[in-house]
Amino acid sequence: MFADVEFLETDEEIAGRLIRMIEWNISKLEKNVRVRVEDRWVTLTGHVGCHEDSEQAGQFAKIVKGCAGFTNHLVVAAAEKESPLQRVA
């Protein structure tokens, strides 16, 4: 009768739990990542520093209690690189 009790989390609780998991575990996370939850469905948007951060955030969304599914729209931000040719004067 109460088999789905674990899924009685509110969207706000799911979002808060996921944000804490991401902040705690991805140390170099860009600050413009957004977590939206609608009807227990998580959508991640914003920018991360590398592909691994995007994948890890998606993994957290898969395991957060109460989450029915997720969409990962995180974009890897291109790091500015120095030109290999530099003028020395």
PDB file of N, CA and C in Angstrom:
ATOM      1  N   MET A   1       0.809  -1.197   0.000  1.00  0.00           N
ATOM      2  CA  MET A   1       0.000   0.000   0.000  1.00  0.00           C
ATOM      3  C   MET A   1       0.854   1.263   0.000  1.00  0.00           C
ATOM      4  N   PHE A   2       1.955   1.266   0.727  1.00  0.00           N
ATOM      5  CA  PHE A   2       2.810   2.447   0.800  1.00  0.00           C
ATOM      6  C   PHE A   2       4.143   2.215   0.094  1.00  0.00           C
ATOM      7  N   ALA A   3       4.143   1.447  -0.968  1.00  0.00           N
ATOM      8  CA  ALA A   3       5.372   1.109  -1.679  1.00  0.00           C
ATOM      9  C   ALA A   3       6.039   2.331  -2.298  1.00  0.00           C
ATOM     10  N   ASP A   4       5.272   3.358  -2.654  1.00  0.00           N
ATOM     11  CA  ASP A   4       5.831   4.545  -3.296  1.00  0.00           C
ATOM     12  C   ASP A   4       6.097   5.692  -2.330  1.00  0.00           C
ATOM     13  N   VAL A   5       6.206   5.405  -1.039  1.00  0.00           N
ATOM     14  CA  VAL A   5       6.432   6.451  -0.047  1.00  0.00           C
ATOM     15  C   VAL A   5       7.713   7.219  -0.357  1.00  0.00           C
ATOM     16  N   GLU A   6       8.754   6.553  -0.875  1.00  0.00           N
ATOM     17  CA  GLU A   6       9.999   7.233  -1.171  1.00  0.00           C
ATOM     18  C   GLU A   6       9.843   8.290  -2.260  1.00  0.00           C
ATOM     19  N   PHE A   7       8.775   8.222  -3.038  1.00  0.00           N
ATOM     20  CA  PHE A   7       8.562   9.182  -4.110  1.00  0.00           C
ATOM     21  C   PHE A   7       7.620  10.314  -3.715  1.00  0.00           C
ATOM     22  N   LEU A   8       7.317  10.435  -2.459  1.00  0.00           N
ATOM     23  CA  LEU A   8       6.419  11.499  -2.021  1.00  0.00           C
ATOM     24  C   LEU A   8       7.173  12.794  -1.703  1.00  0.00           C
ATOM     25  N   GLU A   9       8.346  12.950  -2.276  1.00  0.00           N
ATOM     26  CA  GLU A   9       9.129  14.164  -2.102  1.00  0.00           C
ATOM     27  C   GLU A   9       8.521  15.273  -2.957  1.00  0.00           C
ATOM     28  N   THR A  10       8.621  16.509  -2.480  1.00  0.00           N
ATOM     29  CA  THR A  10       8.153  17.629  -3.290  1.00  0.00           C
ATOM     30  C   THR A  10       9.237  18.011  -4.296  1.00  0.00           C
ATOM     31  N   ASP A  11       8.860  18.743  -5.327  1.00  0.00           N
ATOM     32  CA  ASP A  11       9.829  19.213  -6.304  1.00  0.00           C
ATOM     33  C   ASP A  11      10.918  20.043  -5.635  1.00  0.00           C
ATOM     34  N   GLU A  12      10.539  20.859  -4.655  1.00  0.00           N
ATOM     35  CA  GLU A  12      11.497  21.702  -3.949  1.00  0.00           C
ATOM     36  C   GLU A  12      12.497  20.860  -3.162  1.00  0.00           C
ATOM     37  N   GLU A  13      12.029  19.786  -2.535  1.00  0.00           N
ATOM     38  CA  GLU A  13      12.929  18.907  -1.788  1.00  0.00           C
ATOM     39  C   GLU A  13      13.911  18.199  -2.721  1.00  0.00           C
ATOM     40  N   ILE A  14      13.414  17.756  -3.858  1.00  0.00           N
ATOM     41  CA  ILE A  14      14.278  17.086  -4.831  1.00  0.00           C
ATOM     42  C   ILE A  14      15.341  18.065  -5.330  1.00  0.00           C
ATOM     43  N   ALA A  15      14.928  19.273  -5.684  1.00  0.00           N
ATOM     44  CA  ALA A  15      15.875  20.280  -6.180  1.00  0.00           C
ATOM     45  C   ALA A  15      16.918  20.609  -5.122  1.00  0.00           C
ATOM     46  N   GLY A  16      16.493  20.826  -3.902  1.00  0.00           N
ATOM     47  CA  GLY A  16      17.422  21.153  -2.826  1.00  0.00           C
ATOM     48  C   GLY A  16      18.423  20.040  -2.579  1.00  0.00           C
ATOM     49  N   ARG A  17      17.947  18.811  -2.561  1.00  0.00           N
ATOM     50  CA  ARG A  17      18.828  17.662  -2.335  1.00  0.00           C
ATOM     51  C   ARG A  17      19.846  17.546  -3.476  1.00  0.00           C
ATOM     52  N   LEU A  18      19.395  17.718  -4.714  1.00  0.00           N
ATOM     53  CA  LEU A  18      20.295  17.602  -5.861  1.00  0.00           C
ATOM     54  C   LEU A  18      21.326  18.732  -5.869  1.00  0.00           C
ATOM     55  N   ILE A  19      20.913  19.938  -5.565  1.00  0.00           N
ATOM     56  CA  ILE A  19      21.847  21.066  -5.506  1.00  0.00           C
ATOM     57  C   ILE A  19      22.930  20.799  -4.472  1.00  0.00           C
ATOM     58  N   ARG A  20      22.546  20.309  -3.301  1.00  0.00           N
ATOM     59  CA  ARG A  20      23.537  20.003  -2.262  1.00  0.00           C
ATOM     60  C   ARG A  20      24.499  18.911  -2.722  1.00  0.00           C
ATOM     61  N   MET A  21      23.994  17.881  -3.389  1.00  0.00           N
ATOM     62  CA  MET A  21      24.852  16.802  -3.882  1.00  0.00           C
ATOM     63  C   MET A  21      25.859  17.333  -4.895  1.00  0.00           C
ATOM     64  N   ILE A  22      25.396  18.170  -5.806  1.00  0.00           N
ATOM     65  CA  ILE A  22      26.281  18.718  -6.831  1.00  0.00           C
ATOM     66  C   ILE A  22      27.323  19.638  -6.204  1.00  0.00           C
ATOM     67  N   GLU A  23      26.891  20.553  -5.339  1.00  0.00           N
ATOM     68  CA  GLU A  23      27.829  21.491  -4.709  1.00  0.00           C
ATOM     69  C   GLU A  23      28.875  20.759  -3.874  1.00  0.00           C
ATOM     70  N   TRP A  24      28.467  19.723  -3.175  1.00  0.00           N
ATOM     71  CA  TRP A  24      29.365  18.996  -2.282  1.00  0.00           C
ATOM     72  C   TRP A  24      30.397  18.179  -3.069  1.00  0.00           C
ATOM     73  N   ASN A  25      30.013  17.647  -4.209  1.00  0.00           N
ATOM     74  CA  ASN A  25      30.852  16.684  -4.913  1.00  0.00           C
ATOM     75  C   ASN A  25      31.585  17.208  -6.135  1.00  0.00           C
ATOM     76  N   ILE A  26      31.176  18.329  -6.669  1.00  0.00           N
ATOM     77  CA  ILE A  26      31.862  18.895  -7.838  1.00  0.00           C
ATOM     78  C   ILE A  26      32.475  20.212  -7.406  1.00  0.00           C
ATOM     79  N   SER A  27      33.738  20.161  -7.036  1.00  0.00           N
ATOM     80  CA  SER A  27      34.385  21.306  -6.388  1.00  0.00           C
ATOM     81  C   SER A  27      34.615  22.497  -7.305  1.00  0.00           C
ATOM     82  N   LYS A  28      34.847  22.262  -8.592  1.00  0.00           N
ATOM     83  CA  LYS A  28      35.144  23.376  -9.495  1.00  0.00           C
ATOM     84  C   LYS A  28      33.936  23.739 -10.346  1.00  0.00           C
ATOM     85  N   LEU A  29      32.764  23.536  -9.812  1.00  0.00           N
ATOM     86  CA  LEU A  29      31.535  23.774 -10.559  1.00  0.00           C
ATOM     87  C   LEU A  29      31.339  25.260 -10.829  1.00  0.00           C
ATOM     88  N   GLU A  30      30.975  25.573 -12.054  1.00  0.00           N
ATOM     89  CA  GLU A  30      30.624  26.946 -12.392  1.00  0.00           C
ATOM     90  C   GLU A  30      29.385  27.338 -11.577  1.00  0.00           C
ATOM     91  N   LYS A  31      29.249  28.581 -11.254  1.00  0.00           N
ATOM     92  CA  LYS A  31      28.148  29.040 -10.408  1.00  0.00           C
ATOM     93  C   LYS A  31      26.850  29.270 -11.167  1.00  0.00           C
ATOM     94  N   ASN A  32      26.813  29.076 -12.465  1.00  0.00           N
ATOM     95  CA  ASN A  32      25.585  29.346 -13.213  1.00  0.00           C
ATOM     96  C   ASN A  32      24.850  28.068 -13.621  1.00  0.00           C
ATOM     97  N   VAL A  33      24.953  27.025 -12.817  1.00  0.00           N
ATOM     98  CA  VAL A  33      24.186  25.801 -13.055  1.00  0.00           C
ATOM     99  C   VAL A  33      22.832  25.953 -12.378  1.00  0.00           C
ATOM    100  N   ARG A  34      21.781  25.632 -13.122  1.00  0.00           N
ATOM    101  CA  ARG A  34      20.432  25.733 -12.573  1.00  0.00           C
ATOM    102  C   ARG A  34      19.771  24.354 -12.551  1.00  0.00           C
ATOM    103  N   VAL A  35      19.039  24.115 -11.475  1.00  0.00           N
ATOM    104  CA  VAL A  35      18.295  22.863 -11.316  1.00  0.00           C
ATOM    105  C   VAL A  35      16.819  23.215 -11.261  1.00  0.00           C
ATOM    106  N   ARG A  36      16.042  22.704 -12.205  1.00  0.00           N
ATOM    107  CA  ARG A  36      14.596  22.919 -12.204  1.00  0.00           C
ATOM    108  C   ARG A  36      13.931  21.550 -12.067  1.00  0.00           C
ATOM    109  N   VAL A  37      12.919  21.485 -11.203  1.00  0.00           N
ATOM    110  CA  VAL A  37      12.191  20.231 -11.015  1.00  0.00           C
ATOM    111  C   VAL A  37      10.708  20.512 -11.211  1.00  0.00           C
ATOM    112  N   GLU A  38      10.088  19.768 -12.108  1.00  0.00           N
ATOM    113  CA  GLU A  38       8.652  19.862 -12.380  1.00  0.00           C
ATOM    114  C   GLU A  38       8.077  18.465 -12.393  1.00  0.00           C
ATOM    115  N   ASP A  39       7.132  18.221 -11.517  1.00  0.00           N
ATOM    116  CA  ASP A  39       6.504  16.898 -11.420  1.00  0.00           C
ATOM    117  C   ASP A  39       7.548  15.803 -11.279  1.00  0.00           C
ATOM    118  N   ARG A  40       8.550  16.058 -10.434  1.00  0.00           N
ATOM    119  CA  ARG A  40       9.643  15.133 -10.113  1.00  0.00           C
ATOM    120  C   ARG A  40      10.613  14.922 -11.263  1.00  0.00           C
ATOM    121  N   TRP A  41      10.490  15.668 -12.356  1.00  0.00           N
ATOM    122  CA  TRP A  41      11.409  15.569 -13.492  1.00  0.00           C
ATOM    123  C   TRP A  41      12.431  16.693 -13.385  1.00  0.00           C
ATOM    124  N   VAL A  42      13.715  16.340 -13.346  1.00  0.00           N
ATOM    125  CA  VAL A  42      14.808  17.285 -13.158  1.00  0.00           C
ATOM    126  C   VAL A  42      15.345  17.747 -14.511  1.00  0.00           C
ATOM    127  N   THR A  43      15.573  19.058 -14.624  1.00  0.00           N
ATOM    128  CA  THR A  43      16.237  19.616 -15.797  1.00  0.00           C
ATOM    129  C   THR A  43      17.438  20.415 -15.313  1.00  0.00           C
ATOM    130  N   LEU A  44      18.626  20.049 -15.818  1.00  0.00           N
ATOM    131  CA  LEU A  44      19.861  20.743 -15.482  1.00  0.00           C
ATOM    132  C   LEU A  44      20.233  21.655 -16.644  1.00  0.00           C
ATOM    133  N   THR A  45      20.492  22.939 -16.362  1.00  0.00           N
ATOM    134  CA  THR A  45      20.915  23.883 -17.390  1.00  0.00           C
ATOM    135  C   THR A  45      22.071  24.712 -16.856  1.00  0.00           C
ATOM    136  N   GLY A  46      22.807  25.324 -17.759  1.00  0.00           N
ATOM    137  CA  GLY A  46      23.915  26.176 -17.360  1.00  0.00           C
ATOM    138  C   GLY A  46      25.223  25.675 -17.929  1.00  0.00           C
ATOM    139  N   HIS A  47      26.329  26.074 -17.289  1.00  0.00           N
ATOM    140  CA  HIS A  47      27.658  25.751 -17.783  1.00  0.00           C
ATOM    141  C   HIS A  47      28.489  25.069 -16.705  1.00  0.00           C
ATOM    142  N   VAL A  48      29.295  24.118 -17.135  1.00  0.00           N
ATOM    143  CA  VAL A  48      30.246  23.447 -16.253  1.00  0.00           C
ATOM    144  C   VAL A  48      31.631  23.543 -16.888  1.00  0.00           C
ATOM    145  N   GLY A  49      32.655  23.241 -16.095  1.00  0.00           N
ATOM    146  CA  GLY A  49      34.022  23.387 -16.571  1.00  0.00           C
ATOM    147  C   GLY A  49      34.506  22.290 -17.492  1.00  0.00           C
ATOM    148  N   CYS A  50      33.925  21.077 -17.367  1.00  0.00           N
ATOM    149  CA  CYS A  50      34.390  19.977 -18.212  1.00  0.00           C
ATOM    150  C   CYS A  50      33.274  18.943 -18.389  1.00  0.00           C
ATOM    151  N   HIS A  51      33.477  18.068 -19.358  1.00  0.00           N
ATOM    152  CA  HIS A  51      32.487  17.032 -19.662  1.00  0.00           C
ATOM    153  C   HIS A  51      32.239  16.126 -18.456  1.00  0.00           C
ATOM    154  N   GLU A  52      33.266  15.830 -17.689  1.00  0.00           N
ATOM    155  CA  GLU A  52      33.119  14.962 -16.523  1.00  0.00           C
ATOM    156  C   GLU A  52      32.169  15.562 -15.488  1.00  0.00           C
ATOM    157  N   ASP A  53      32.226  16.890 -15.305  1.00  0.00           N
ATOM    158  CA  ASP A  53      31.315  17.559 -14.377  1.00  0.00           C
ATOM    159  C   ASP A  53      29.869  17.408 -14.834  1.00  0.00           C
ATOM    160  N   SER A  54      29.642  17.534 -16.127  1.00  0.00           N
ATOM    161  CA  SER A  54      28.301  17.366 -16.679  1.00  0.00           C
ATOM    162  C   SER A  54      27.794  15.942 -16.441  1.00  0.00           C
ATOM    163  N   GLU A  55      28.645  14.971 -16.710  1.00  0.00           N
ATOM    164  CA  GLU A  55      28.268  13.577 -16.508  1.00  0.00           C
ATOM    165  C   GLU A  55      27.991  13.282 -15.045  1.00  0.00           C
ATOM    166  N   GLN A  56      28.833  13.806 -14.158  1.00  0.00           N
ATOM    167  CA  GLN A  56      28.657  13.551 -12.729  1.00  0.00           C
ATOM    168  C   GLN A  56      27.357  14.182 -12.218  1.00  0.00           C
ATOM    169  N   ALA A  57      27.039  15.383 -12.654  1.00  0.00           N
ATOM    170  CA  ALA A  57      25.784  16.023 -12.255  1.00  0.00           C
ATOM    171  C   ALA A  57      24.598  15.184 -12.723  1.00  0.00           C
ATOM    172  N   GLY A  58      24.685  14.647 -13.928  1.00  0.00           N
ATOM    173  CA  GLY A  58      23.638  13.774 -14.441  1.00  0.00           C
ATOM    174  C   GLY A  58      23.496  12.506 -13.620  1.00  0.00           C
ATOM    175  N   GLN A  59      24.608  11.955 -13.172  1.00  0.00           N
ATOM    176  CA  GLN A  59      24.566  10.757 -12.331  1.00  0.00           C
ATOM    177  C   GLN A  59      23.866  11.047 -11.002  1.00  0.00           C
ATOM    178  N   PHE A  60      24.125  12.210 -10.430  1.00  0.00           N
ATOM    179  CA  PHE A  60      23.450  12.583  -9.190  1.00  0.00           C
ATOM    180  C   PHE A  60      21.948  12.712  -9.407  1.00  0.00           C
ATOM    181  N   ALA A  61      21.555  13.275 -10.551  1.00  0.00           N
ATOM    182  CA  ALA A  61      20.126  13.408 -10.851  1.00  0.00           C
ATOM    183  C   ALA A  61      19.468  12.038 -10.933  1.00  0.00           C
ATOM    184  N   LYS A  62      20.183  11.055 -11.451  1.00  0.00           N
ATOM    185  CA  LYS A  62      19.629   9.702 -11.559  1.00  0.00           C
ATOM    186  C   LYS A  62      19.353   9.069 -10.201  1.00  0.00           C
ATOM    187  N   ILE A  63      20.176   9.402  -9.205  1.00  0.00           N
ATOM    188  CA  ILE A  63      20.053   8.705  -7.921  1.00  0.00           C
ATOM    189  C   ILE A  63      19.364   9.502  -6.822  1.00  0.00           C
ATOM    190  N   VAL A  64      19.070  10.777  -7.067  1.00  0.00           N
ATOM    191  CA  VAL A  64      18.465  11.570  -6.003  1.00  0.00           C
ATOM    192  C   VAL A  64      17.068  11.018  -5.694  1.00  0.00           C
ATOM    193  N   LYS A  65      16.779  10.879  -4.432  1.00  0.00           N
ATOM    194  CA  LYS A  65      15.514  10.307  -3.981  1.00  0.00           C
ATOM    195  C   LYS A  65      14.325  11.125  -4.487  1.00  0.00           C
ATOM    196  N   GLY A  66      13.383  10.450  -5.104  1.00  0.00           N
ATOM    197  CA  GLY A  66      12.167  11.098  -5.568  1.00  0.00           C
ATOM    198  C   GLY A  66      12.187  11.525  -7.021  1.00  0.00           C
ATOM    199  N   CYS A  67      13.354  11.504  -7.656  1.00  0.00           N
ATOM    200  CA  CYS A  67      13.477  11.944  -9.044  1.00  0.00           C
ATOM    201  C   CYS A  67      12.894  10.893  -9.981  1.00  0.00           C
ATOM    202  N   ALA A  68      11.991  11.315 -10.857  1.00  0.00           N
ATOM    203  CA  ALA A  68      11.370  10.403 -11.823  1.00  0.00           C
ATOM    204  C   ALA A  68      12.215  10.269 -13.082  1.00  0.00           C
ATOM    205  N   GLY A  69      13.025  11.284 -13.399  1.00  0.00           N
ATOM    206  CA  GLY A  69      13.872  11.277 -14.583  1.00  0.00           C
ATOM    207  C   GLY A  69      14.553  12.615 -14.694  1.00  0.00           C
ATOM    208  N   PHE A  70      15.432  12.743 -15.692  1.00  0.00           N
ATOM    209  CA  PHE A  70      16.138  14.015 -15.824  1.00  0.00           C
ATOM    210  C   PHE A  70      16.526  14.291 -17.267  1.00  0.00           C
ATOM    211  N   THR A  71      16.721  15.577 -17.523  1.00  0.00           N
ATOM    212  CA  THR A  71      17.237  16.050 -18.791  1.00  0.00           C
ATOM    213  C   THR A  71      18.469  16.884 -18.479  1.00  0.00           C
ATOM    214  N   ASN A  72      19.584  16.549 -19.127  1.00  0.00           N
ATOM    215  CA  ASN A  72      20.839  17.250 -18.868  1.00  0.00           C
ATOM    216  C   ASN A  72      21.142  18.181 -20.042  1.00  0.00           C
ATOM    217  N   HIS A  73      20.955  19.480 -19.806  1.00  0.00           N
ATOM    218  CA  HIS A  73      21.262  20.490 -20.820  1.00  0.00           C
ATOM    219  C   HIS A  73      22.495  21.300 -20.425  1.00  0.00           C
ATOM    220  N   LEU A  74      23.373  20.711 -19.600  1.00  0.00           N
ATOM    221  CA  LEU A  74      24.583  21.413 -19.193  1.00  0.00           C
ATOM    222  C   LEU A  74      25.535  21.522 -20.382  1.00  0.00           C
ATOM    223  N   VAL A  75      26.172  22.670 -20.488  1.00  0.00           N
ATOM    224  CA  VAL A  75      27.104  22.942 -21.575  1.00  0.00           C
ATOM    225  C   VAL A  75      28.493  23.103 -20.966  1.00  0.00           C
ATOM    226  N   VAL A  76      29.478  22.502 -21.617  1.00  0.00           N
ATOM    227  CA  VAL A  76      30.855  22.658 -21.160  1.00  0.00           C
ATOM    228  C   VAL A  76      31.364  24.004 -21.643  1.00  0.00           C
ATOM    229  N   ALA A  77      31.763  24.845 -20.692  1.00  0.00           N
ATOM    230  CA  ALA A  77      32.267  26.179 -21.020  1.00  0.00           C
ATOM    231  C   ALA A  77      33.678  26.047 -21.574  1.00  0.00           C
ATOM    232  N   ALA A  78      33.936  26.688 -22.689  1.00  0.00           N
ATOM    233  CA  ALA A  78      35.274  26.655 -23.291  1.00  0.00           C
ATOM    234  C   ALA A  78      36.216  27.496 -22.446  1.00  0.00           C
ATOM    235  N   ALA A  79      37.281  26.875 -22.006  1.00  0.00           N
ATOM    236  CA  ALA A  79      38.272  27.603 -21.217  1.00  0.00           C
ATOM    237  C   ALA A  79      39.115  28.454 -22.155  1.00  0.00           C
ATOM    238  N   GLU A  80      39.423  29.652 -21.701  1.00  0.00           N
ATOM    239  CA  GLU A  80      40.279  30.516 -22.512  1.00  0.00           C
ATOM    240  C   GLU A  80      41.692  29.956 -22.472  1.00  0.00           C
ATOM    241  N   LYS A  81      42.260  29.794 -23.631  1.00  0.00           N
ATOM    242  CA  LYS A  81      43.614  29.268 -23.715  1.00  0.00           C
ATOM    243  C   LYS A  81      44.534  30.356 -24.249  1.00  0.00           C
ATOM    244  N   GLU A  82      45.757  30.312 -23.763  1.00  0.00           N
ATOM    245  CA  GLU A  82      46.744  31.259 -24.266  1.00  0.00           C
ATOM    246  C   GLU A  82      47.199  30.812 -25.637  1.00  0.00           C
ATOM    247  N   SER A  83      47.514  31.747 -26.451  1.00  0.00           N
ATOM    248  CA  SER A  83      48.037  31.459 -27.779  1.00  0.00           C
ATOM    249  C   SER A  83      49.387  30.777 -27.632  1.00  0.00           C
ATOM    250  N   PRO A  84      49.667  29.751 -28.438  1.00  0.00           N
ATOM    251  CA  PRO A  84      50.975  29.104 -28.352  1.00  0.00           C
ATOM    252  C   PRO A  84      52.111  30.019 -28.818  1.00  0.00           C
ATOM    253  N   LEU A  85      51.778  31.052 -29.585  1.00  0.00           N
ATOM    254  CA  LEU A  85      52.766  32.014 -30.037  1.00  0.00           C
ATOM    255  C   LEU A  85      52.635  33.284 -29.222  1.00  0.00           C
ATOM    256  N   GLN A  86      53.717  33.681 -28.589  1.00  0.00           N
ATOM    257  CA  GLN A  86      53.685  34.885 -27.793  1.00  0.00           C
ATOM    258  C   GLN A  86      54.827  35.801 -28.196  1.00  0.00           C
ATOM    259  N   ARG A  87      54.574  37.087 -28.163  1.00  0.00           N
ATOM    260  CA  ARG A  87      55.619  38.051 -28.500  1.00  0.00           C
ATOM    261  C   ARG A  87      56.441  38.335 -27.240  1.00  0.00           C
ATOM    262  N   VAL A  88      57.734  38.236 -27.397  1.00  0.00           N
ATOM    263  CA  VAL A  88      58.642  38.589 -26.311  1.00  0.00           C
ATOM    264  C   VAL A  88      59.444  39.782 -26.773  1.00  0.00           C
ATOM    265  N   ALA A  89      59.287  40.905 -26.109  1.00  0.00           N
ATOM    266  CA  ALA A  89      59.998  42.101 -26.551  1.00  0.00           C
ATOM    267  C   ALA A  89      60.727  42.738 -25.418  1.00  0.00           C
TER     268      ALA A  89
END
